[in-house]
Amino acid sequence: MKKLTTTKFALLTSTLFAISNSAYASQPFVSFDAFVQPFIQASENPQPKEVVISKRVVKLPVEISATRVKLSQADYSVPVVKVLVPELAAVTLLDHRNTGEGAPCLATSQTRQPHDVIQNHPRIEEVEMTIYLVKNLSPNVVENSCDVSLTEHIDTVIRGFHFSHDRYLSVGVRQLADCQ
């Protein structure tokens, strides 16, 4: 058994004291082992898991110009360079349009200057994009449940810059046994 430090012992006793003076005080006595078992199980909780359920490559026309490549902070914590790609709407399941944008978009953090992407050479280029659909599984041993969500991830390179975009959709909660 591990040695309890003075700090850990003080934290444990103060927690137990707080519990004994709370709503739990009216509950029947539960042994310490029974009380901590859910927390131990939670610490042994299976790790979240991602399963790629679909991967496809599409070629789309991308207008590389000052009207479609811009610096924007819409739906991001910091400004990023985005390229608007209206044709993404037809080949994706989820909505990749950011708030206030005129079309679905992809973003890069490799530059803060749209002209680095445009390179004084605006034109429309056929760009290969990879679209992934990923099932996300988040087990919760304490609640005997599994949160399931779907991520749609788009990945591409435009003129040497990596662009991507993600959208998430909560699918629901399932039984822990289904978390595979």
N, C-alpha and C. Protein backbone atom coordinates (compact mmCIF):
# COMPACT_ATOMS: atom_id res chain seq x y z
N MET A 1 0.85 -1.19 0.00
CA MET A 1 0.00 0.00 0.00
C MET A 1 0.88 1.24 0.00
N LYS A 2 0.46 2.26 -0.73
CA LYS A 2 1.24 3.49 -0.80
C LYS A 2 1.16 4.25 0.52
N LYS A 3 2.25 4.96 0.82
CA LYS A 3 2.30 5.77 2.03
C LYS A 3 1.54 7.07 1.78
N LEU A 4 0.70 7.43 2.73
CA LEU A 4 -0.07 8.66 2.63
C LEU A 4 0.75 9.82 3.17
N THR A 5 0.92 10.85 2.35
CA THR A 5 1.64 12.03 2.83
C THR A 5 0.70 12.83 3.73
N THR A 6 1.29 13.72 4.52
CA THR A 6 0.49 14.56 5.42
C THR A 6 -0.52 15.38 4.63
N THR A 7 -0.11 15.91 3.48
CA THR A 7 -1.00 16.73 2.66
C THR A 7 -2.17 15.90 2.13
N LYS A 8 -1.87 14.70 1.62
CA LYS A 8 -2.93 13.85 1.09
C LYS A 8 -3.87 13.41 2.21
N PHE A 9 -3.32 13.11 3.39
CA PHE A 9 -4.15 12.70 4.52
C PHE A 9 -5.08 13.84 4.93
N ALA A 10 -4.54 15.06 4.97
CA ALA A 10 -5.35 16.22 5.34
C ALA A 10 -6.47 16.45 4.32
N LEU A 11 -6.14 16.31 3.04
CA LEU A 11 -7.13 16.47 1.99
C LEU A 11 -8.21 15.40 2.11
N LEU A 12 -7.81 14.18 2.33
CA LEU A 12 -8.76 13.07 2.46
C LEU A 12 -9.68 13.27 3.66
N THR A 13 -9.12 13.63 4.81
CA THR A 13 -9.94 13.81 6.00
C THR A 13 -10.87 15.00 5.86
N SER A 14 -10.39 16.08 5.25
CA SER A 14 -11.27 17.25 5.07
C SER A 14 -12.40 16.93 4.09
N THR A 15 -12.11 16.12 3.06
CA THR A 15 -13.14 15.70 2.12
C THR A 15 -14.19 14.84 2.81
N LEU A 16 -13.72 13.87 3.60
CA LEU A 16 -14.65 13.00 4.32
C LEU A 16 -15.48 13.80 5.33
N PHE A 17 -14.87 14.79 5.98
CA PHE A 17 -15.60 15.64 6.92
C PHE A 17 -16.68 16.43 6.19
N ALA A 18 -16.32 16.98 5.02
CA ALA A 18 -17.29 17.76 4.24
C ALA A 18 -18.45 16.87 3.80
N ILE A 19 -18.14 15.65 3.41
CA ILE A 19 -19.19 14.72 2.99
C ILE A 19 -20.08 14.38 4.17
N SER A 20 -19.48 14.16 5.33
CA SER A 20 -20.28 13.78 6.50
C SER A 20 -21.21 14.91 6.93
N ASN A 21 -20.89 16.15 6.57
CA ASN A 21 -21.73 17.29 6.93
C ASN A 21 -22.63 17.73 5.78
N SER A 22 -22.67 16.95 4.73
CA SER A 22 -23.48 17.34 3.57
C SER A 22 -24.73 16.46 3.50
N ALA A 23 -25.35 16.48 2.34
CA ALA A 23 -26.56 15.69 2.12
C ALA A 23 -26.28 14.19 2.26
N TYR A 24 -25.01 13.81 2.08
CA TYR A 24 -24.66 12.39 2.20
C TYR A 24 -24.76 11.91 3.65
N ALA A 25 -24.76 12.83 4.60
CA ALA A 25 -24.77 12.45 6.02
C ALA A 25 -26.02 11.66 6.38
N SER A 26 -27.13 11.91 5.69
CA SER A 26 -28.37 11.21 6.00
C SER A 26 -28.43 9.83 5.34
N GLN A 27 -27.47 9.54 4.46
CA GLN A 27 -27.44 8.25 3.78
C GLN A 27 -26.87 7.18 4.70
N PRO A 28 -27.23 5.91 4.49
CA PRO A 28 -26.66 4.83 5.31
C PRO A 28 -25.14 4.82 5.16
N PHE A 29 -24.47 4.33 6.18
CA PHE A 29 -23.01 4.29 6.17
C PHE A 29 -22.51 3.45 5.01
N VAL A 30 -21.52 3.97 4.32
CA VAL A 30 -20.87 3.26 3.23
C VAL A 30 -19.41 3.15 3.59
N SER A 31 -18.85 1.98 3.43
CA SER A 31 -17.43 1.80 3.76
C SER A 31 -16.58 2.67 2.85
N PHE A 32 -15.39 2.96 3.31
CA PHE A 32 -14.47 3.79 2.54
C PHE A 32 -14.19 3.13 1.19
N ASP A 33 -13.97 1.80 1.19
CA ASP A 33 -13.70 1.08 -0.06
C ASP A 33 -14.85 1.23 -1.05
N ALA A 34 -16.08 1.09 -0.55
CA ALA A 34 -17.25 1.22 -1.43
C ALA A 34 -17.38 2.66 -1.94
N PHE A 35 -17.02 3.63 -1.08
CA PHE A 35 -17.11 5.04 -1.46
C PHE A 35 -16.12 5.38 -2.56
N VAL A 36 -14.87 4.90 -2.45
CA VAL A 36 -13.84 5.29 -3.41
C VAL A 36 -13.83 4.41 -4.66
N GLN A 37 -14.54 3.29 -4.66
CA GLN A 37 -14.51 2.37 -5.80
C GLN A 37 -14.87 3.05 -7.13
N PRO A 38 -15.94 3.87 -7.21
CA PRO A 38 -16.22 4.53 -8.49
C PRO A 38 -15.09 5.44 -8.95
N PHE A 39 -14.39 6.07 -8.01
CA PHE A 39 -13.29 6.96 -8.39
C PHE A 39 -12.10 6.15 -8.89
N ILE A 40 -11.86 5.00 -8.27
CA ILE A 40 -10.79 4.12 -8.73
C ILE A 40 -11.12 3.61 -10.12
N GLN A 41 -12.37 3.20 -10.32
CA GLN A 41 -12.78 2.72 -11.64
C GLN A 41 -12.64 3.83 -12.67
N ALA A 42 -12.99 5.05 -12.27
CA ALA A 42 -12.87 6.18 -13.21
C ALA A 42 -11.43 6.40 -13.61
N SER A 43 -10.51 6.21 -12.67
CA SER A 43 -9.10 6.40 -12.99
C SER A 43 -8.58 5.28 -13.89
N GLU A 44 -9.27 4.13 -13.87
CA GLU A 44 -8.91 3.02 -14.74
C GLU A 44 -9.79 3.03 -15.98
N ASN A 45 -10.51 4.11 -16.18
CA ASN A 45 -11.44 4.26 -17.28
C ASN A 45 -10.74 3.99 -18.62
N PRO A 46 -11.36 3.22 -19.49
CA PRO A 46 -10.79 3.03 -20.82
C PRO A 46 -10.61 4.39 -21.50
N GLN A 47 -9.61 4.48 -22.32
CA GLN A 47 -9.30 5.73 -23.01
C GLN A 47 -10.30 6.00 -24.13
N PRO A 48 -10.53 7.28 -24.44
CA PRO A 48 -11.36 7.61 -25.59
C PRO A 48 -10.77 6.96 -26.85
N LYS A 49 -11.62 6.71 -27.80
CA LYS A 49 -11.20 5.99 -29.00
C LYS A 49 -11.77 6.68 -30.22
N GLU A 50 -10.99 6.69 -31.29
CA GLU A 50 -11.45 7.23 -32.56
C GLU A 50 -11.38 6.13 -33.61
N VAL A 51 -12.43 6.02 -34.41
CA VAL A 51 -12.49 5.02 -35.46
C VAL A 51 -12.82 5.73 -36.77
N VAL A 52 -11.93 5.63 -37.76
CA VAL A 52 -12.19 6.22 -39.07
C VAL A 52 -13.22 5.34 -39.76
N ILE A 53 -14.37 5.92 -40.06
CA ILE A 53 -15.42 5.14 -40.72
C ILE A 53 -15.51 5.43 -42.22
N SER A 54 -14.88 6.54 -42.63
CA SER A 54 -14.88 6.87 -44.05
C SER A 54 -13.70 7.80 -44.35
N LYS A 55 -13.07 7.55 -45.49
CA LYS A 55 -12.01 8.44 -45.98
C LYS A 55 -12.16 8.50 -47.49
N ARG A 56 -12.31 9.71 -48.00
CA ARG A 56 -12.40 9.84 -49.45
C ARG A 56 -11.66 11.08 -49.91
N VAL A 57 -11.20 11.02 -51.12
CA VAL A 57 -10.45 12.12 -51.72
C VAL A 57 -11.29 12.69 -52.85
N VAL A 58 -11.43 14.02 -52.84
CA VAL A 58 -12.18 14.71 -53.88
C VAL A 58 -11.31 15.83 -54.45
N LYS A 59 -11.57 16.18 -55.68
CA LYS A 59 -10.91 17.35 -56.30
C LYS A 59 -11.96 18.42 -56.48
N LEU A 60 -11.67 19.60 -55.95
CA LEU A 60 -12.61 20.71 -56.06
C LEU A 60 -11.92 21.94 -56.62
N PRO A 61 -12.67 22.78 -57.34
CA PRO A 61 -12.09 24.05 -57.80
C PRO A 61 -12.01 25.02 -56.61
N VAL A 62 -10.85 25.62 -56.44
CA VAL A 62 -10.65 26.59 -55.37
C VAL A 62 -10.18 27.89 -55.99
N GLU A 63 -10.94 28.94 -55.74
CA GLU A 63 -10.56 30.26 -56.24
C GLU A 63 -9.57 30.88 -55.26
N ILE A 64 -8.35 31.05 -55.72
CA ILE A 64 -7.30 31.63 -54.89
C ILE A 64 -7.18 33.10 -55.30
N SER A 65 -7.90 33.93 -54.54
CA SER A 65 -7.97 35.36 -54.85
C SER A 65 -8.27 36.12 -53.56
N ALA A 66 -8.18 37.44 -53.63
CA ALA A 66 -8.44 38.28 -52.46
C ALA A 66 -9.90 38.19 -52.00
N THR A 67 -10.82 37.77 -52.86
CA THR A 67 -12.22 37.64 -52.44
C THR A 67 -12.49 36.32 -51.72
N ARG A 68 -11.66 35.32 -51.92
CA ARG A 68 -11.88 34.01 -51.31
C ARG A 68 -10.83 33.62 -50.27
N VAL A 69 -9.70 34.27 -50.25
CA VAL A 69 -8.66 33.99 -49.24
C VAL A 69 -8.57 35.22 -48.36
N LYS A 70 -8.80 35.04 -47.05
CA LYS A 70 -8.83 36.21 -46.18
C LYS A 70 -8.41 35.87 -44.76
N LEU A 71 -8.07 36.90 -44.01
CA LEU A 71 -7.76 36.76 -42.59
C LEU A 71 -9.05 36.99 -41.82
N SER A 72 -9.41 36.03 -40.96
CA SER A 72 -10.67 36.12 -40.25
C SER A 72 -10.56 35.45 -38.89
N GLN A 73 -11.33 35.95 -37.94
CA GLN A 73 -11.37 35.34 -36.61
C GLN A 73 -12.71 34.65 -36.36
N ALA A 74 -13.60 34.64 -37.34
CA ALA A 74 -14.93 34.05 -37.17
C ALA A 74 -14.81 32.60 -36.71
N ASP A 75 -15.35 32.30 -35.52
CA ASP A 75 -15.35 30.97 -34.90
C ASP A 75 -13.96 30.47 -34.48
N TYR A 76 -12.98 31.35 -34.40
CA TYR A 76 -11.64 30.99 -33.92
C TYR A 76 -11.25 31.96 -32.81
N SER A 77 -10.32 31.54 -31.96
CA SER A 77 -9.87 32.40 -30.86
C SER A 77 -8.86 33.45 -31.33
N VAL A 78 -8.20 33.18 -32.44
CA VAL A 78 -7.24 34.12 -33.02
C VAL A 78 -7.50 34.19 -34.52
N PRO A 79 -7.10 35.28 -35.16
CA PRO A 79 -7.28 35.36 -36.61
C PRO A 79 -6.48 34.28 -37.34
N VAL A 80 -7.10 33.69 -38.36
CA VAL A 80 -6.44 32.69 -39.20
C VAL A 80 -6.73 33.01 -40.66
N VAL A 81 -5.87 32.53 -41.54
CA VAL A 81 -6.10 32.69 -42.97
C VAL A 81 -7.06 31.58 -43.39
N LYS A 82 -8.13 31.99 -44.06
CA LYS A 82 -9.16 31.06 -44.52
C LYS A 82 -9.30 31.16 -46.03
N VAL A 83 -9.71 30.04 -46.61
CA VAL A 83 -10.10 30.05 -48.01
C VAL A 83 -11.54 29.54 -48.07
N LEU A 84 -12.39 30.31 -48.73
CA LEU A 84 -13.79 29.94 -48.89
C LEU A 84 -13.92 29.00 -50.09
N VAL A 85 -14.60 27.87 -49.87
CA VAL A 85 -14.76 26.87 -50.92
C VAL A 85 -16.24 26.47 -50.97
N PRO A 86 -17.06 27.18 -51.75
CA PRO A 86 -18.50 26.89 -51.81
C PRO A 86 -18.81 25.43 -52.18
N GLU A 87 -17.97 24.82 -53.01
CA GLU A 87 -18.21 23.45 -53.47
C GLU A 87 -18.10 22.41 -52.36
N LEU A 88 -17.54 22.76 -51.22
CA LEU A 88 -17.46 21.83 -50.09
C LEU A 88 -18.85 21.41 -49.60
N ALA A 89 -19.82 22.28 -49.72
CA ALA A 89 -21.18 21.99 -49.24
C ALA A 89 -21.75 20.74 -49.90
N ALA A 90 -21.41 20.50 -51.15
CA ALA A 90 -21.97 19.37 -51.89
C ALA A 90 -21.31 18.03 -51.54
N VAL A 91 -20.11 18.07 -50.96
CA VAL A 91 -19.37 16.82 -50.73
C VAL A 91 -19.16 16.50 -49.25
N THR A 92 -19.72 17.33 -48.36
CA THR A 92 -19.56 17.08 -46.93
C THR A 92 -20.92 16.80 -46.30
N LEU A 93 -20.86 16.13 -45.16
CA LEU A 93 -22.08 15.82 -44.41
C LEU A 93 -22.46 16.96 -43.48
N LEU A 94 -21.46 17.56 -42.82
CA LEU A 94 -21.71 18.62 -41.84
C LEU A 94 -21.44 19.99 -42.45
N ASP A 95 -21.93 21.03 -41.78
CA ASP A 95 -21.81 22.40 -42.26
C ASP A 95 -20.46 22.99 -41.88
N HIS A 96 -19.61 23.24 -42.86
CA HIS A 96 -18.27 23.79 -42.61
C HIS A 96 -18.21 25.30 -42.84
N ARG A 97 -19.35 25.95 -42.80
CA ARG A 97 -19.41 27.40 -42.95
C ARG A 97 -19.26 28.02 -41.57
N ASN A 98 -18.31 28.91 -41.40
CA ASN A 98 -18.14 29.61 -40.13
C ASN A 98 -19.10 30.79 -40.06
N THR A 99 -19.37 31.25 -38.85
CA THR A 99 -20.31 32.35 -38.62
C THR A 99 -19.96 33.56 -39.48
N GLY A 100 -20.93 34.00 -40.25
CA GLY A 100 -20.75 35.21 -41.05
C GLY A 100 -19.98 35.02 -42.35
N GLU A 101 -19.53 33.81 -42.63
CA GLU A 101 -18.77 33.58 -43.87
C GLU A 101 -19.74 33.28 -45.00
N GLY A 102 -19.33 33.57 -46.22
CA GLY A 102 -20.19 33.39 -47.38
C GLY A 102 -20.19 32.00 -47.96
N ALA A 103 -19.36 31.09 -47.40
CA ALA A 103 -19.27 29.73 -47.94
C ALA A 103 -18.53 28.86 -46.92
N PRO A 104 -18.59 27.53 -47.09
CA PRO A 104 -17.76 26.68 -46.24
C PRO A 104 -16.29 27.06 -46.43
N CYS A 105 -15.50 26.81 -45.39
CA CYS A 105 -14.11 27.27 -45.48
C CYS A 105 -13.14 26.28 -44.86
N LEU A 106 -11.87 26.50 -45.17
CA LEU A 106 -10.74 25.77 -44.60
C LEU A 106 -9.79 26.82 -44.05
N ALA A 107 -9.03 26.47 -43.02
CA ALA A 107 -8.14 27.44 -42.38
C ALA A 107 -6.72 26.91 -42.28
N THR A 108 -5.78 27.82 -42.25
CA THR A 108 -4.37 27.49 -42.01
C THR A 108 -3.82 28.39 -40.91
N SER A 109 -2.92 27.85 -40.13
CA SER A 109 -2.24 28.66 -39.12
C SER A 109 -0.77 28.85 -39.51
N GLN A 110 -0.42 28.45 -40.72
CA GLN A 110 0.97 28.54 -41.17
C GLN A 110 1.36 29.92 -41.66
N THR A 111 0.39 30.80 -41.83
CA THR A 111 0.67 32.18 -42.20
C THR A 111 -0.44 33.06 -41.66
N ARG A 112 -0.15 34.33 -41.47
CA ARG A 112 -1.17 35.30 -41.06
C ARG A 112 -1.45 36.30 -42.18
N GLN A 113 -0.92 36.01 -43.36
CA GLN A 113 -1.05 36.94 -44.48
C GLN A 113 -1.71 36.25 -45.67
N PRO A 114 -2.91 36.64 -46.04
CA PRO A 114 -3.56 36.03 -47.22
C PRO A 114 -2.71 36.12 -48.49
N HIS A 115 -1.94 37.20 -48.64
CA HIS A 115 -1.14 37.35 -49.86
C HIS A 115 -0.04 36.29 -49.96
N ASP A 116 0.35 35.66 -48.82
CA ASP A 116 1.31 34.56 -48.88
C ASP A 116 0.72 33.38 -49.65
N VAL A 117 -0.58 33.19 -49.54
CA VAL A 117 -1.25 32.10 -50.25
C VAL A 117 -1.55 32.52 -51.69
N ILE A 118 -2.02 33.74 -51.86
CA ILE A 118 -2.38 34.23 -53.21
C ILE A 118 -1.13 34.38 -54.08
N GLN A 119 -0.04 34.82 -53.51
CA GLN A 119 1.27 34.93 -54.18
C GLN A 119 1.23 35.76 -55.47
N ASN A 120 0.45 36.85 -55.46
CA ASN A 120 0.30 37.71 -56.64
C ASN A 120 -0.07 36.93 -57.89
N HIS A 121 -0.76 35.80 -57.71
CA HIS A 121 -1.14 34.97 -58.85
C HIS A 121 -2.55 34.39 -58.61
N PRO A 122 -3.58 35.28 -58.59
CA PRO A 122 -4.94 34.77 -58.36
C PRO A 122 -5.42 33.93 -59.55
N ARG A 123 -6.04 32.82 -59.21
CA ARG A 123 -6.64 31.97 -60.24
C ARG A 123 -7.43 30.84 -59.57
N ILE A 124 -8.15 30.09 -60.37
CA ILE A 124 -8.88 28.92 -59.86
C ILE A 124 -8.02 27.69 -60.12
N GLU A 125 -7.83 26.88 -59.06
CA GLU A 125 -7.03 25.65 -59.17
C GLU A 125 -7.85 24.47 -58.70
N GLU A 126 -7.65 23.32 -59.32
CA GLU A 126 -8.24 22.06 -58.86
C GLU A 126 -7.38 21.57 -57.69
N VAL A 127 -8.01 21.42 -56.51
CA VAL A 127 -7.26 21.04 -55.31
C VAL A 127 -7.81 19.73 -54.77
N GLU A 128 -6.91 18.80 -54.49
CA GLU A 128 -7.29 17.52 -53.91
C GLU A 128 -7.50 17.68 -52.41
N MET A 129 -8.64 17.22 -51.92
CA MET A 129 -8.97 17.32 -50.49
C MET A 129 -9.34 15.94 -49.97
N THR A 130 -8.90 15.64 -48.76
CA THR A 130 -9.26 14.38 -48.11
C THR A 130 -10.29 14.67 -47.04
N ILE A 131 -11.40 13.94 -47.09
CA ILE A 131 -12.49 14.12 -46.13
C ILE A 131 -12.61 12.85 -45.31
N TYR A 132 -12.47 13.00 -43.99
CA TYR A 132 -12.56 11.87 -43.06
C TYR A 132 -13.84 12.00 -42.24
N LEU A 133 -14.53 10.89 -42.03
CA LEU A 133 -15.60 10.80 -41.04
C LEU A 133 -15.06 9.90 -39.94
N VAL A 134 -15.08 10.40 -38.70
CA VAL A 134 -14.49 9.67 -37.58
C VAL A 134 -15.52 9.52 -36.47
N LYS A 135 -15.69 8.28 -36.00
CA LYS A 135 -16.56 8.01 -34.85
C LYS A 135 -15.70 8.16 -33.59
N ASN A 136 -16.15 9.03 -32.67
CA ASN A 136 -15.44 9.27 -31.41
C ASN A 136 -16.21 8.59 -30.29
N LEU A 137 -15.51 7.79 -29.48
CA LEU A 137 -16.11 7.08 -28.37
C LEU A 137 -15.45 7.54 -27.08
N SER A 138 -16.25 8.02 -26.12
CA SER A 138 -15.73 8.49 -24.84
C SER A 138 -16.41 7.70 -23.72
N PRO A 139 -15.71 6.66 -23.21
CA PRO A 139 -16.31 5.84 -22.15
C PRO A 139 -16.38 6.56 -20.81
N ASN A 140 -17.43 6.27 -20.05
CA ASN A 140 -17.61 6.81 -18.71
C ASN A 140 -18.00 5.65 -17.80
N VAL A 141 -17.00 5.10 -17.08
CA VAL A 141 -17.21 3.93 -16.25
C VAL A 141 -18.17 4.23 -15.10
N VAL A 142 -18.06 5.42 -14.51
CA VAL A 142 -18.90 5.78 -13.37
C VAL A 142 -20.38 5.75 -13.75
N GLU A 143 -20.71 6.27 -14.93
CA GLU A 143 -22.11 6.31 -15.37
C GLU A 143 -22.49 5.13 -16.26
N ASN A 144 -21.53 4.20 -16.46
CA ASN A 144 -21.76 3.01 -17.29
C ASN A 144 -22.29 3.42 -18.67
N SER A 145 -21.65 4.45 -19.25
CA SER A 145 -22.13 4.98 -20.52
C SER A 145 -20.97 5.27 -21.47
N CYS A 146 -21.34 5.58 -22.69
CA CYS A 146 -20.37 5.89 -23.73
C CYS A 146 -20.93 7.03 -24.56
N ASP A 147 -20.25 8.18 -24.54
CA ASP A 147 -20.66 9.30 -25.39
C ASP A 147 -20.12 9.06 -26.79
N VAL A 148 -20.99 9.18 -27.77
CA VAL A 148 -20.61 8.94 -29.16
C VAL A 148 -20.80 10.23 -29.95
N SER A 149 -19.76 10.59 -30.71
CA SER A 149 -19.88 11.76 -31.58
C SER A 149 -19.23 11.45 -32.93
N LEU A 150 -19.51 12.32 -33.88
CA LEU A 150 -18.97 12.18 -35.22
C LEU A 150 -18.14 13.42 -35.53
N THR A 151 -16.96 13.22 -36.08
CA THR A 151 -16.13 14.34 -36.54
C THR A 151 -15.97 14.22 -38.04
N GLU A 152 -16.19 15.33 -38.73
CA GLU A 152 -15.86 15.39 -40.16
C GLU A 152 -14.65 16.30 -40.28
N HIS A 153 -13.57 15.76 -40.82
CA HIS A 153 -12.30 16.48 -40.92
C HIS A 153 -11.91 16.59 -42.39
N ILE A 154 -11.57 17.79 -42.81
CA ILE A 154 -11.13 18.03 -44.19
C ILE A 154 -9.68 18.48 -44.13
N ASP A 155 -8.87 17.92 -45.00
CA ASP A 155 -7.43 18.18 -45.03
C ASP A 155 -6.99 18.44 -46.46
N THR A 156 -6.16 19.47 -46.66
CA THR A 156 -5.63 19.74 -48.00
C THR A 156 -4.38 20.60 -47.91
N VAL A 157 -3.69 20.72 -49.02
CA VAL A 157 -2.54 21.63 -49.13
C VAL A 157 -2.82 22.53 -50.34
N ILE A 158 -2.74 23.84 -50.10
CA ILE A 158 -2.95 24.82 -51.16
C ILE A 158 -1.70 25.69 -51.22
N ARG A 159 -1.01 25.59 -52.37
CA ARG A 159 0.21 26.36 -52.60
C ARG A 159 1.21 26.23 -51.44
N GLY A 160 1.35 25.03 -50.94
CA GLY A 160 2.34 24.75 -49.90
C GLY A 160 1.85 24.96 -48.47
N PHE A 161 0.64 25.44 -48.28
CA PHE A 161 0.09 25.69 -46.95
C PHE A 161 -0.94 24.61 -46.61
N HIS A 162 -0.83 24.06 -45.41
CA HIS A 162 -1.77 23.04 -44.95
C HIS A 162 -3.05 23.72 -44.47
N PHE A 163 -4.18 23.38 -45.06
CA PHE A 163 -5.49 23.89 -44.66
C PHE A 163 -6.33 22.72 -44.15
N SER A 164 -7.16 23.00 -43.15
CA SER A 164 -8.05 21.96 -42.63
C SER A 164 -9.27 22.60 -41.99
N HIS A 165 -10.24 21.75 -41.69
CA HIS A 165 -11.43 22.21 -40.99
C HIS A 165 -12.12 21.01 -40.38
N ASP A 166 -12.65 21.19 -39.16
CA ASP A 166 -13.35 20.12 -38.45
C ASP A 166 -14.74 20.59 -38.05
N ARG A 167 -15.66 19.65 -38.07
CA ARG A 167 -16.99 19.86 -37.49
C ARG A 167 -17.34 18.62 -36.69
N TYR A 168 -18.07 18.84 -35.60
CA TYR A 168 -18.44 17.77 -34.68
C TYR A 168 -19.95 17.69 -34.55
N LEU A 169 -20.43 16.46 -34.33
CA LEU A 169 -21.85 16.25 -34.12
C LEU A 169 -22.01 15.20 -33.03
N SER A 170 -22.72 15.52 -31.96
CA SER A 170 -22.99 14.55 -30.91
C SER A 170 -24.05 13.58 -31.43
N VAL A 171 -23.74 12.30 -31.35
CA VAL A 171 -24.66 11.28 -31.83
C VAL A 171 -25.55 10.80 -30.69
N GLY A 172 -25.00 10.77 -29.47
CA GLY A 172 -25.80 10.36 -28.32
C GLY A 172 -25.00 9.58 -27.31
N VAL A 173 -25.72 9.05 -26.33
CA VAL A 173 -25.10 8.28 -25.26
C VAL A 173 -25.56 6.83 -25.41
N ARG A 174 -24.60 5.91 -25.32
CA ARG A 174 -24.89 4.48 -25.41
C ARG A 174 -24.40 3.78 -24.17
N GLN A 175 -24.68 2.51 -24.05
CA GLN A 175 -24.20 1.69 -22.95
C GLN A 175 -22.69 1.55 -23.04
N LEU A 176 -22.03 1.45 -21.91
CA LEU A 176 -20.57 1.32 -21.87
C LEU A 176 -20.09 0.14 -22.71
N ALA A 177 -20.83 -0.96 -22.71
CA ALA A 177 -20.44 -2.15 -23.47
C ALA A 177 -20.40 -1.87 -24.97
N ASP A 178 -21.12 -0.84 -25.43
CA ASP A 178 -21.12 -0.49 -26.85
C ASP A 178 -19.95 0.39 -27.26
N CYS A 179 -19.12 0.74 -26.31
CA CYS A 179 -18.03 1.70 -26.54
C CYS A 179 -16.83 1.01 -27.18
N GLN A 180 -17.03 0.53 -28.40
CA GLN A 180 -15.96 -0.21 -29.09
C GLN A 180 -15.73 0.32 -30.47
